[in-house]
Amino acid sequence: MALVITSPCIGEKSGECVEVCPVDCIEEGEDMFYINPDVCINCNACESVCPVGAIYVDDEVPDEENEFIELNRKFFE
């Protein structure tokens, strides 16, 4: 299980999530941040500081945001 960054992050890129991640699994992309699901330890530190509510546990991602589960994974391939 890992956390996933979804569409509210697009264009936002505040960066609080990066600052609190204890395993440095969040990286900045061109238009949003992404979480590496192979490194994420599901500590929820990033979820609590996200100013736009863009971060979810992967099995709780809203249906309309499901594509972001794969987008986060593909970013790190």
N, C-alpha and C. Protein backbone atom coordinates (compact mmCIF):
# COMPACT_ATOMS: atom_id res chain seq x y z
N MET A 1 0.84 -1.17 0.00
CA MET A 1 0.00 0.00 0.00
C MET A 1 0.90 1.24 0.00
N ALA A 2 0.48 2.26 -0.74
CA ALA A 2 1.24 3.50 -0.82
C ALA A 2 0.28 4.68 -0.94
N LEU A 3 0.80 5.84 -0.77
CA LEU A 3 0.02 7.05 -0.95
C LEU A 3 0.13 7.49 -2.41
N VAL A 4 -0.88 8.22 -2.87
CA VAL A 4 -0.96 8.65 -4.27
C VAL A 4 -1.31 10.13 -4.30
N ILE A 5 -0.62 10.87 -5.16
CA ILE A 5 -0.95 12.29 -5.36
C ILE A 5 -1.86 12.38 -6.57
N THR A 6 -2.95 13.12 -6.43
CA THR A 6 -3.99 13.19 -7.46
C THR A 6 -4.11 14.60 -8.06
N SER A 7 -5.12 14.80 -8.89
CA SER A 7 -5.26 16.01 -9.71
C SER A 7 -5.25 17.35 -8.98
N PRO A 8 -5.72 17.49 -7.74
CA PRO A 8 -5.65 18.81 -7.12
C PRO A 8 -4.22 19.37 -7.03
N CYS A 9 -3.22 18.51 -7.15
CA CYS A 9 -1.82 18.95 -7.10
C CYS A 9 -1.39 19.59 -8.41
N ILE A 10 -2.06 19.30 -9.50
CA ILE A 10 -1.64 19.83 -10.80
C ILE A 10 -1.60 21.36 -10.74
N GLY A 11 -0.45 21.90 -11.00
CA GLY A 11 -0.25 23.35 -10.98
C GLY A 11 -0.06 23.94 -9.61
N GLU A 12 -0.27 23.18 -8.56
CA GLU A 12 -0.16 23.69 -7.18
C GLU A 12 1.28 23.66 -6.71
N LYS A 13 1.82 22.48 -6.58
CA LYS A 13 3.21 22.24 -6.21
C LYS A 13 3.71 23.08 -5.03
N SER A 14 2.97 23.04 -3.94
CA SER A 14 3.38 23.77 -2.74
C SER A 14 4.65 23.20 -2.12
N GLY A 15 4.78 21.89 -2.07
CA GLY A 15 6.01 21.26 -1.60
C GLY A 15 6.07 20.87 -0.14
N GLU A 16 5.04 21.16 0.63
CA GLU A 16 5.06 20.75 2.04
C GLU A 16 5.22 19.24 2.17
N CYS A 17 4.64 18.51 1.24
CA CYS A 17 4.72 17.04 1.29
C CYS A 17 6.17 16.55 1.20
N VAL A 18 6.95 17.18 0.36
CA VAL A 18 8.36 16.79 0.20
C VAL A 18 9.12 17.02 1.50
N GLU A 19 8.84 18.14 2.14
CA GLU A 19 9.55 18.52 3.36
C GLU A 19 9.32 17.54 4.51
N VAL A 20 8.12 16.94 4.59
CA VAL A 20 7.82 16.06 5.72
C VAL A 20 8.04 14.58 5.45
N CYS A 21 8.29 14.20 4.23
CA CYS A 21 8.45 12.77 3.90
C CYS A 21 9.73 12.22 4.51
N PRO A 22 9.63 11.22 5.39
CA PRO A 22 10.82 10.68 6.05
C PRO A 22 11.67 9.78 5.16
N VAL A 23 11.14 9.35 4.02
CA VAL A 23 11.90 8.43 3.15
C VAL A 23 12.19 9.04 1.77
N ASP A 24 11.93 10.32 1.60
CA ASP A 24 12.21 11.02 0.35
C ASP A 24 11.64 10.31 -0.88
N CYS A 25 10.37 9.93 -0.80
CA CYS A 25 9.74 9.21 -1.91
C CYS A 25 8.93 10.12 -2.82
N ILE A 26 8.92 11.43 -2.55
CA ILE A 26 8.13 12.37 -3.34
C ILE A 26 9.06 13.20 -4.20
N GLU A 27 8.77 13.23 -5.50
CA GLU A 27 9.59 14.00 -6.43
C GLU A 27 8.72 14.95 -7.24
N GLU A 28 9.32 16.05 -7.62
CA GLU A 28 8.62 17.06 -8.41
C GLU A 28 8.69 16.71 -9.89
N GLY A 29 7.52 16.72 -10.52
CA GLY A 29 7.44 16.54 -11.96
C GLY A 29 7.21 17.88 -12.62
N GLU A 30 6.89 17.85 -13.89
CA GLU A 30 6.71 19.09 -14.64
C GLU A 30 5.56 19.94 -14.10
N ASP A 31 4.45 19.29 -13.75
CA ASP A 31 3.29 20.07 -13.33
C ASP A 31 2.69 19.65 -11.99
N MET A 32 3.30 18.66 -11.32
CA MET A 32 2.81 18.22 -10.02
C MET A 32 3.88 17.36 -9.35
N PHE A 33 3.62 16.95 -8.11
CA PHE A 33 4.50 16.04 -7.40
C PHE A 33 3.99 14.61 -7.57
N TYR A 34 4.91 13.64 -7.40
CA TYR A 34 4.57 12.23 -7.52
C TYR A 34 5.18 11.47 -6.36
N ILE A 35 4.50 10.40 -5.94
CA ILE A 35 4.99 9.54 -4.86
C ILE A 35 5.44 8.21 -5.45
N ASN A 36 6.67 7.81 -5.11
CA ASN A 36 7.19 6.53 -5.56
C ASN A 36 6.56 5.42 -4.70
N PRO A 37 5.69 4.59 -5.29
CA PRO A 37 4.99 3.58 -4.50
C PRO A 37 5.91 2.48 -3.97
N ASP A 38 7.09 2.32 -4.56
CA ASP A 38 8.02 1.30 -4.10
C ASP A 38 8.84 1.75 -2.90
N VAL A 39 8.83 3.05 -2.63
CA VAL A 39 9.60 3.60 -1.51
C VAL A 39 8.69 4.07 -0.38
N CYS A 40 7.48 4.51 -0.72
CA CYS A 40 6.53 5.03 0.27
C CYS A 40 6.27 4.01 1.38
N ILE A 41 6.32 4.49 2.63
CA ILE A 41 6.08 3.61 3.78
C ILE A 41 4.69 3.83 4.38
N ASN A 42 3.85 4.61 3.67
CA ASN A 42 2.46 4.82 4.09
C ASN A 42 2.36 5.43 5.49
N CYS A 43 3.22 6.40 5.77
CA CYS A 43 3.22 7.02 7.10
C CYS A 43 2.17 8.12 7.24
N ASN A 44 1.64 8.58 6.11
CA ASN A 44 0.60 9.61 6.06
C ASN A 44 1.09 11.01 6.44
N ALA A 45 2.38 11.22 6.62
CA ALA A 45 2.88 12.55 6.96
C ALA A 45 2.54 13.56 5.87
N CYS A 46 2.68 13.16 4.62
CA CYS A 46 2.42 14.07 3.51
C CYS A 46 0.93 14.39 3.38
N GLU A 47 0.11 13.40 3.62
CA GLU A 47 -1.34 13.58 3.49
C GLU A 47 -1.84 14.67 4.42
N SER A 48 -1.33 14.72 5.62
CA SER A 48 -1.81 15.67 6.61
C SER A 48 -1.38 17.11 6.33
N VAL A 49 -0.32 17.31 5.54
CA VAL A 49 0.13 18.68 5.27
C VAL A 49 -0.24 19.19 3.88
N CYS A 50 -0.84 18.36 3.06
CA CYS A 50 -1.19 18.77 1.70
C CYS A 50 -2.26 19.87 1.76
N PRO A 51 -1.93 21.07 1.24
CA PRO A 51 -2.89 22.18 1.34
C PRO A 51 -4.09 22.06 0.42
N VAL A 52 -4.04 21.15 -0.56
CA VAL A 52 -5.15 21.01 -1.51
C VAL A 52 -5.86 19.66 -1.41
N GLY A 53 -5.48 18.83 -0.45
CA GLY A 53 -6.14 17.54 -0.26
C GLY A 53 -5.96 16.59 -1.43
N ALA A 54 -4.76 16.58 -2.01
CA ALA A 54 -4.51 15.79 -3.21
C ALA A 54 -3.97 14.39 -2.93
N ILE A 55 -3.69 14.05 -1.68
CA ILE A 55 -3.01 12.80 -1.36
C ILE A 55 -3.96 11.82 -0.68
N TYR A 56 -3.95 10.59 -1.20
CA TYR A 56 -4.82 9.52 -0.69
C TYR A 56 -4.03 8.22 -0.56
N VAL A 57 -4.45 7.36 0.35
CA VAL A 57 -3.96 5.99 0.38
C VAL A 57 -4.47 5.35 -0.91
N ASP A 58 -3.67 4.53 -1.56
CA ASP A 58 -4.02 4.03 -2.90
C ASP A 58 -5.37 3.33 -2.98
N ASP A 59 -5.79 2.64 -1.94
CA ASP A 59 -7.09 1.96 -2.01
C ASP A 59 -8.26 2.86 -1.60
N GLU A 60 -7.97 4.15 -1.34
CA GLU A 60 -9.01 5.12 -1.01
C GLU A 60 -9.10 6.25 -2.04
N VAL A 61 -8.37 6.13 -3.14
CA VAL A 61 -8.40 7.15 -4.19
C VAL A 61 -9.81 7.18 -4.78
N PRO A 62 -10.41 8.37 -4.90
CA PRO A 62 -11.76 8.45 -5.50
C PRO A 62 -11.74 7.87 -6.93
N ASP A 63 -12.84 7.26 -7.33
CA ASP A 63 -12.93 6.62 -8.64
C ASP A 63 -12.49 7.54 -9.77
N GLU A 64 -12.88 8.81 -9.71
CA GLU A 64 -12.55 9.73 -10.79
C GLU A 64 -11.06 10.10 -10.82
N GLU A 65 -10.31 9.69 -9.80
CA GLU A 65 -8.87 9.97 -9.72
C GLU A 65 -8.02 8.70 -9.87
N ASN A 66 -8.62 7.57 -10.17
CA ASN A 66 -7.90 6.29 -10.23
C ASN A 66 -6.71 6.30 -11.19
N GLU A 67 -6.78 7.07 -12.26
CA GLU A 67 -5.68 7.11 -13.23
C GLU A 67 -4.37 7.58 -12.59
N PHE A 68 -4.47 8.32 -11.48
CA PHE A 68 -3.28 8.85 -10.83
C PHE A 68 -2.48 7.77 -10.09
N ILE A 69 -3.10 6.66 -9.78
CA ILE A 69 -2.36 5.54 -9.18
C ILE A 69 -1.28 5.10 -10.16
N GLU A 70 -1.66 4.90 -11.41
CA GLU A 70 -0.71 4.48 -12.44
C GLU A 70 0.24 5.61 -12.83
N LEU A 71 -0.25 6.84 -12.87
CA LEU A 71 0.61 7.97 -13.23
C LEU A 71 1.75 8.14 -12.23
N ASN A 72 1.46 7.96 -10.94
CA ASN A 72 2.52 8.05 -9.93
C ASN A 72 3.53 6.94 -10.14
N ARG A 73 3.07 5.72 -10.41
CA ARG A 73 3.97 4.59 -10.62
C ARG A 73 4.82 4.81 -11.87
N LYS A 74 4.20 5.23 -12.97
CA LYS A 74 4.93 5.40 -14.22
C LYS A 74 5.98 6.50 -14.15
N PHE A 75 5.76 7.51 -13.33
CA PHE A 75 6.73 8.58 -13.20
C PHE A 75 8.09 8.05 -12.76
N PHE A 76 8.10 6.98 -12.00
CA PHE A 76 9.35 6.44 -11.45
C PHE A 76 9.93 5.27 -12.25
N GLU A 77 9.35 4.96 -13.41
CA GLU A 77 9.89 3.87 -14.24
C GLU A 77 11.09 4.33 -15.02
